Amino acid sequence: MDEFPFDDDDVISIDPEYSGNQSRLLRTSWLKESVKRFLGSVASSWFGEGVPCEVLRVGGSWEKGRLRIRLEYIPDEPAPGTSDAGRSPNQ
């Protein structure tokens, strides 16, 4: 899961309603392992190049493509001297 934007020892404070383990503090290594357990051996595909799929849009036809999961941290207030405008998640 190379697309994970945190180090294993980083800690995230989150509302327990959304944490999945009723804890306010989550070590990012726990979050990574939880995602890996849920997705199994294909986790790196979901976070990397994506998995092949087909989408049927309402009123349309089947469309081939890939489905990918991204985890992105968006600070409420950008650090001084930085701008999020025009930046992609990978920058």
N, C-alpha and C. Protein backbone atom coordinates (compact mmCIF):
# COMPACT_ATOMS: atom_id res chain seq x y z
N MET A 1 0.83 -1.18 0.00
CA MET A 1 0.00 0.00 0.00
C MET A 1 0.88 1.24 0.00
N ASP A 2 1.53 1.50 -1.11
CA ASP A 2 2.44 2.63 -1.21
C ASP A 2 1.73 3.97 -1.26
N GLU A 3 0.43 3.98 -1.51
CA GLU A 3 -0.32 5.22 -1.64
C GLU A 3 -0.78 5.76 -0.29
N PHE A 4 -0.32 5.17 0.81
CA PHE A 4 -0.74 5.59 2.15
C PHE A 4 0.13 6.77 2.56
N PRO A 5 -0.44 7.96 2.81
CA PRO A 5 0.36 9.17 3.00
C PRO A 5 0.91 9.38 4.41
N PHE A 6 0.99 8.34 5.23
CA PHE A 6 1.46 8.50 6.61
C PHE A 6 2.50 7.45 6.95
N ASP A 7 3.35 7.77 7.94
CA ASP A 7 4.28 6.79 8.48
C ASP A 7 3.54 5.90 9.47
N ASP A 8 4.04 4.69 9.70
CA ASP A 8 3.37 3.73 10.59
C ASP A 8 3.16 4.25 12.00
N ASP A 9 4.06 5.09 12.50
CA ASP A 9 3.95 5.57 13.88
C ASP A 9 3.15 6.87 14.01
N ASP A 10 2.67 7.43 12.90
CA ASP A 10 1.83 8.62 12.98
C ASP A 10 0.52 8.24 13.67
N VAL A 11 -0.09 9.20 14.36
CA VAL A 11 -1.33 8.96 15.09
C VAL A 11 -2.39 9.92 14.57
N ILE A 12 -3.60 9.41 14.37
CA ILE A 12 -4.72 10.20 13.89
C ILE A 12 -5.77 10.25 14.99
N SER A 13 -6.27 11.45 15.29
CA SER A 13 -7.37 11.61 16.22
C SER A 13 -8.64 11.74 15.39
N ILE A 14 -9.62 10.89 15.66
CA ILE A 14 -10.83 10.84 14.85
C ILE A 14 -12.03 10.59 15.76
N ASP A 15 -13.19 11.07 15.37
CA ASP A 15 -14.42 10.82 16.13
C ASP A 15 -14.63 9.30 16.19
N PRO A 16 -14.81 8.73 17.39
CA PRO A 16 -14.96 7.27 17.52
C PRO A 16 -16.09 6.69 16.66
N GLU A 17 -17.06 7.51 16.30
CA GLU A 17 -18.15 7.05 15.43
C GLU A 17 -17.62 6.54 14.09
N TYR A 18 -16.49 7.08 13.65
CA TYR A 18 -15.93 6.74 12.34
C TYR A 18 -14.71 5.83 12.41
N SER A 19 -14.24 5.48 13.59
CA SER A 19 -12.97 4.78 13.71
C SER A 19 -13.04 3.28 13.50
N GLY A 20 -14.19 2.67 13.73
CA GLY A 20 -14.30 1.23 13.56
C GLY A 20 -13.84 0.43 14.75
N ASN A 21 -13.20 1.08 15.73
CA ASN A 21 -12.78 0.36 16.94
C ASN A 21 -13.12 1.13 18.21
N GLN A 22 -13.98 2.12 18.11
CA GLN A 22 -14.46 2.91 19.24
C GLN A 22 -13.35 3.64 19.98
N SER A 23 -12.24 3.90 19.34
CA SER A 23 -11.14 4.64 19.94
C SER A 23 -11.01 5.98 19.23
N ARG A 24 -10.62 7.00 19.96
CA ARG A 24 -10.43 8.32 19.35
C ARG A 24 -9.08 8.40 18.63
N LEU A 25 -8.06 7.73 19.17
CA LEU A 25 -6.73 7.78 18.58
C LEU A 25 -6.44 6.50 17.81
N LEU A 26 -5.98 6.67 16.57
CA LEU A 26 -5.63 5.53 15.73
C LEU A 26 -4.18 5.66 15.28
N ARG A 27 -3.41 4.63 15.48
CA ARG A 27 -2.07 4.61 14.91
C ARG A 27 -2.25 4.22 13.44
N THR A 28 -1.57 4.92 12.55
CA THR A 28 -1.79 4.66 11.13
C THR A 28 -1.43 3.23 10.73
N SER A 29 -0.53 2.60 11.47
CA SER A 29 -0.21 1.20 11.18
C SER A 29 -1.44 0.31 11.40
N TRP A 30 -2.28 0.63 12.42
CA TRP A 30 -3.52 -0.12 12.65
C TRP A 30 -4.48 0.08 11.49
N LEU A 31 -4.59 1.32 11.01
CA LEU A 31 -5.48 1.61 9.89
C LEU A 31 -5.05 0.86 8.63
N LYS A 32 -3.75 0.86 8.35
CA LYS A 32 -3.23 0.11 7.20
C LYS A 32 -3.56 -1.37 7.30
N GLU A 33 -3.29 -1.95 8.47
CA GLU A 33 -3.54 -3.38 8.66
C GLU A 33 -5.03 -3.70 8.54
N SER A 34 -5.89 -2.82 9.03
CA SER A 34 -7.33 -3.04 8.92
C SER A 34 -7.77 -3.06 7.47
N VAL A 35 -7.24 -2.14 6.68
CA VAL A 35 -7.58 -2.10 5.25
C VAL A 35 -7.05 -3.36 4.57
N LYS A 36 -5.83 -3.77 4.90
CA LYS A 36 -5.25 -4.98 4.31
C LYS A 36 -6.08 -6.21 4.64
N ARG A 37 -6.53 -6.31 5.91
CA ARG A 37 -7.36 -7.46 6.30
C ARG A 37 -8.68 -7.47 5.54
N PHE A 38 -9.27 -6.29 5.38
CA PHE A 38 -10.55 -6.19 4.69
C PHE A 38 -10.42 -6.55 3.21
N LEU A 39 -9.37 -6.04 2.55
CA LEU A 39 -9.21 -6.27 1.11
C LEU A 39 -8.38 -7.51 0.79
N GLY A 40 -7.67 -8.03 1.80
CA GLY A 40 -6.86 -9.23 1.58
C GLY A 40 -5.66 -8.99 0.68
N SER A 41 -5.33 -10.01 -0.08
CA SER A 41 -4.11 -9.97 -0.89
C SER A 41 -4.19 -8.99 -2.05
N VAL A 42 -5.36 -8.45 -2.33
CA VAL A 42 -5.50 -7.50 -3.45
C VAL A 42 -5.43 -6.04 -3.01
N ALA A 43 -5.11 -5.78 -1.73
CA ALA A 43 -5.08 -4.41 -1.21
C ALA A 43 -4.17 -3.51 -2.03
N SER A 44 -2.99 -3.99 -2.40
CA SER A 44 -2.06 -3.14 -3.14
C SER A 44 -2.62 -2.75 -4.50
N SER A 45 -3.41 -3.62 -5.11
CA SER A 45 -4.03 -3.28 -6.40
C SER A 45 -5.05 -2.17 -6.24
N TRP A 46 -5.87 -2.25 -5.18
CA TRP A 46 -6.89 -1.22 -4.94
C TRP A 46 -6.27 0.15 -4.71
N PHE A 47 -5.11 0.20 -4.02
CA PHE A 47 -4.46 1.47 -3.71
C PHE A 47 -3.44 1.86 -4.77
N GLY A 48 -3.00 0.94 -5.58
CA GLY A 48 -2.00 1.22 -6.61
C GLY A 48 -2.62 1.58 -7.93
N GLU A 49 -2.52 0.66 -8.88
CA GLU A 49 -3.00 0.93 -10.23
C GLU A 49 -4.52 0.83 -10.35
N GLY A 50 -5.18 0.31 -9.32
CA GLY A 50 -6.63 0.14 -9.37
C GLY A 50 -6.98 -1.25 -9.87
N VAL A 51 -8.23 -1.61 -9.73
CA VAL A 51 -8.69 -2.93 -10.17
C VAL A 51 -9.60 -2.76 -11.39
N PRO A 52 -9.47 -3.68 -12.34
CA PRO A 52 -10.31 -3.59 -13.53
C PRO A 52 -11.79 -3.73 -13.16
N CYS A 53 -12.62 -2.96 -13.82
CA CYS A 53 -14.05 -3.03 -13.56
C CYS A 53 -14.82 -2.54 -14.78
N GLU A 54 -16.12 -2.66 -14.70
CA GLU A 54 -17.01 -2.09 -15.69
C GLU A 54 -18.10 -1.34 -14.95
N VAL A 55 -18.51 -0.20 -15.46
CA VAL A 55 -19.54 0.62 -14.84
C VAL A 55 -20.69 0.76 -15.82
N LEU A 56 -21.89 0.55 -15.32
CA LEU A 56 -23.09 0.78 -16.12
C LEU A 56 -23.75 2.05 -15.61
N ARG A 57 -23.67 3.10 -16.38
CA ARG A 57 -24.26 4.38 -16.00
C ARG A 57 -25.73 4.40 -16.39
N VAL A 58 -26.54 5.06 -15.57
CA VAL A 58 -27.96 5.17 -15.85
C VAL A 58 -28.15 5.76 -17.25
N GLY A 59 -28.92 5.09 -18.07
CA GLY A 59 -29.20 5.56 -19.41
C GLY A 59 -28.04 5.38 -20.38
N GLY A 60 -26.98 4.73 -19.95
CA GLY A 60 -25.81 4.56 -20.81
C GLY A 60 -25.50 3.10 -21.06
N SER A 61 -24.28 2.85 -21.45
CA SER A 61 -23.84 1.48 -21.70
C SER A 61 -22.65 1.17 -20.79
N TRP A 62 -22.23 -0.09 -20.80
CA TRP A 62 -21.11 -0.51 -19.97
C TRP A 62 -19.85 0.21 -20.42
N GLU A 63 -19.07 0.64 -19.44
CA GLU A 63 -17.83 1.37 -19.68
C GLU A 63 -16.72 0.68 -18.90
N LYS A 64 -15.64 0.28 -19.58
CA LYS A 64 -14.51 -0.38 -18.91
C LYS A 64 -13.57 0.65 -18.32
N GLY A 65 -12.97 0.30 -17.18
CA GLY A 65 -12.01 1.19 -16.55
C GLY A 65 -11.40 0.54 -15.33
N ARG A 66 -10.94 1.35 -14.39
CA ARG A 66 -10.33 0.86 -13.16
C ARG A 66 -10.93 1.62 -11.98
N LEU A 67 -10.99 0.94 -10.85
CA LEU A 67 -11.48 1.53 -9.62
C LEU A 67 -10.32 1.54 -8.63
N ARG A 68 -10.02 2.72 -8.07
CA ARG A 68 -8.87 2.85 -7.17
C ARG A 68 -9.30 3.57 -5.90
N ILE A 69 -8.72 3.17 -4.77
CA ILE A 69 -8.97 3.82 -3.48
C ILE A 69 -7.79 4.74 -3.19
N ARG A 70 -8.09 5.96 -2.78
CA ARG A 70 -7.07 6.93 -2.37
C ARG A 70 -7.37 7.39 -0.96
N LEU A 71 -6.35 7.52 -0.16
CA LEU A 71 -6.49 8.09 1.17
C LEU A 71 -5.74 9.42 1.14
N GLU A 72 -6.45 10.49 1.44
CA GLU A 72 -5.88 11.82 1.35
C GLU A 72 -6.17 12.59 2.63
N TYR A 73 -5.16 13.26 3.14
CA TYR A 73 -5.34 14.13 4.30
C TYR A 73 -5.44 15.56 3.78
N ILE A 74 -6.48 16.26 4.20
CA ILE A 74 -6.70 17.64 3.78
C ILE A 74 -6.74 18.50 5.04
N PRO A 75 -5.69 19.27 5.32
CA PRO A 75 -5.69 20.10 6.53
C PRO A 75 -6.75 21.18 6.45
N ASP A 76 -7.37 21.50 7.58
CA ASP A 76 -8.36 22.58 7.62
C ASP A 76 -7.73 23.91 7.23
N GLU A 77 -6.50 24.12 7.67
CA GLU A 77 -5.79 25.35 7.35
C GLU A 77 -4.43 24.98 6.78
N PRO A 78 -4.17 25.31 5.50
CA PRO A 78 -2.86 24.99 4.91
C PRO A 78 -1.74 25.68 5.67
N ALA A 79 -0.57 25.06 5.66
CA ALA A 79 0.60 25.65 6.29
C ALA A 79 0.91 26.99 5.63
N PRO A 80 1.41 27.97 6.39
CA PRO A 80 1.74 29.28 5.81
C PRO A 80 2.69 29.14 4.62
N GLY A 81 2.42 29.88 3.57
CA GLY A 81 3.28 29.86 2.39
C GLY A 81 2.98 28.75 1.41
N THR A 82 1.95 27.94 1.68
CA THR A 82 1.58 26.87 0.74
C THR A 82 0.19 27.14 0.20
N SER A 83 -0.06 26.60 -0.95
CA SER A 83 -1.37 26.73 -1.56
C SER A 83 -1.79 25.38 -2.10
N ASP A 84 -3.04 24.97 -1.85
CA ASP A 84 -3.55 23.71 -2.37
C ASP A 84 -4.08 23.87 -3.79
N ALA A 85 -4.23 25.08 -4.26
CA ALA A 85 -4.81 25.32 -5.58
C ALA A 85 -3.93 24.68 -6.65
N GLY A 86 -4.53 23.84 -7.47
CA GLY A 86 -3.83 23.24 -8.59
C GLY A 86 -2.94 22.07 -8.23
N ARG A 87 -2.91 21.67 -6.97
CA ARG A 87 -2.07 20.54 -6.57
C ARG A 87 -2.84 19.26 -6.69
N SER A 88 -2.17 18.21 -7.14
CA SER A 88 -2.78 16.89 -7.15
C SER A 88 -2.48 16.22 -5.83
N PRO A 89 -3.23 15.16 -5.44
CA PRO A 89 -2.97 14.48 -4.17
C PRO A 89 -1.57 13.91 -4.06
N ASN A 90 -0.88 13.68 -5.19
CA ASN A 90 0.44 13.05 -5.16
C ASN A 90 1.56 14.07 -4.98
N GLN A 91 1.24 15.34 -4.91
CA GLN A 91 2.31 16.35 -4.77
C GLN A 91 2.55 16.66 -3.32
